């Protein structure tokens, strides 16, 4: 599931990057903790995956295996609130 803000951020990405991000997000349904994913410090349920210079920040609720993509963006700005 993409939050509305993440959906808007996805549309602003470079056209060549969009299919790669979508494929990675869809793959989270089968494995919410893929190789290279890292838990974000200071947040209980937030994880991130790297896609070149871009990051996908997502939340995992393990009780019901619910994945919510929160932010998608360039590594320089994705962690800023």
Protein backbone atom coordinates (compact mmCIF):
# COMPACT_ATOMS: atom_id res chain seq x y z
CA UNK A 1 0.00 0.00 0.00
CA UNK A 2 1.34 3.43 -0.95
CA UNK A 3 0.54 6.47 1.13
CA UNK A 4 -0.74 9.36 -0.94
CA UNK A 5 2.48 11.33 -0.39
CA UNK A 6 4.58 8.35 -1.54
CA UNK A 7 2.44 8.03 -4.66
CA UNK A 8 3.08 11.69 -5.50
CA UNK A 9 6.81 11.26 -4.88
CA UNK A 10 6.84 8.23 -7.19
CA UNK A 11 5.33 10.28 -10.02
CA UNK A 12 8.10 12.89 -9.64
CA UNK A 13 10.93 10.38 -10.06
CA UNK A 14 12.99 9.96 -13.22
CA UNK A 15 10.93 7.91 -15.71
CA UNK A 16 13.65 5.24 -15.91
CA UNK A 17 13.54 4.77 -12.12
CA UNK A 18 9.76 4.32 -11.73
CA UNK A 19 9.53 0.67 -12.96
CA UNK A 20 12.46 -0.30 -10.73
CA UNK A 21 10.82 1.25 -7.67
CA UNK A 22 7.45 -0.35 -8.44
CA UNK A 23 9.05 -3.78 -8.86
CA UNK A 24 10.89 -3.42 -5.54
CA UNK A 25 7.75 -2.30 -3.70
CA UNK A 26 5.73 -5.20 -5.14
CA UNK A 27 8.48 -7.62 -4.10
CA UNK A 28 8.05 -6.49 -0.48
CA UNK A 29 4.74 -8.41 -0.40
CA UNK A 30 6.67 -11.68 -0.70
CA UNK A 31 9.62 -10.68 1.47
CA UNK A 32 9.28 -7.52 3.61
CA UNK A 33 12.94 -7.79 4.68
CA UNK A 34 14.90 -8.28 1.43
CA UNK A 35 18.68 -8.46 1.35
CA UNK A 36 20.05 -4.97 1.87
CA UNK A 37 17.02 -3.64 3.75
CA UNK A 38 17.82 -1.81 6.97
CA UNK A 39 15.79 -0.88 10.00
CA UNK A 40 15.74 2.85 10.64
CA UNK A 41 17.05 3.93 14.03
CA UNK A 42 14.59 5.56 16.38
CA UNK A 43 11.54 4.09 14.68
CA UNK A 44 9.92 0.87 15.79
CA UNK A 45 8.48 -0.35 12.47
CA UNK A 46 10.32 1.64 9.77
CA UNK A 47 12.64 0.05 7.23
CA UNK A 48 14.36 1.25 4.07
CA UNK A 49 15.59 -0.25 0.84
CA UNK A 50 18.19 1.32 -1.44
CA UNK A 51 17.67 1.70 -5.16
CA UNK A 52 20.79 3.46 -6.37
CA UNK A 53 20.57 7.06 -5.14
CA UNK A 54 16.93 6.62 -4.14
CA UNK A 55 15.37 5.19 -1.00
CA UNK A 56 12.01 3.63 -0.23
CA UNK A 57 10.95 4.07 3.39
CA UNK A 58 8.25 1.63 4.52
CA UNK A 59 6.53 0.38 7.61
CA UNK A 60 5.98 -3.30 8.44
CA UNK A 61 3.31 -4.48 10.84
CA UNK A 62 4.34 -8.08 11.43
CA UNK A 63 1.16 -9.12 13.23
CA UNK A 64 -0.90 -8.98 10.02
CA UNK A 65 1.96 -8.61 7.50
CA UNK A 66 0.90 -5.16 6.41
CA UNK A 67 3.41 -3.09 4.45
CA UNK A 68 2.88 0.63 3.93
CA UNK A 69 5.26 2.66 1.77
CA UNK A 70 5.71 6.03 3.45
CA UNK A 71 8.32 7.89 1.40
CA UNK A 72 10.12 7.52 -1.89
CA UNK A 73 12.86 9.92 -2.82
CA UNK A 74 16.47 10.83 -3.37
CA UNK A 75 18.82 9.88 -0.57
CA UNK A 76 19.63 13.54 0.17
CA UNK A 77 16.05 14.45 1.04
CA UNK A 78 14.11 11.31 1.89
CA UNK A 79 15.07 11.28 5.59
CA UNK A 80 14.11 14.93 6.22
CA UNK A 81 10.69 15.54 7.71
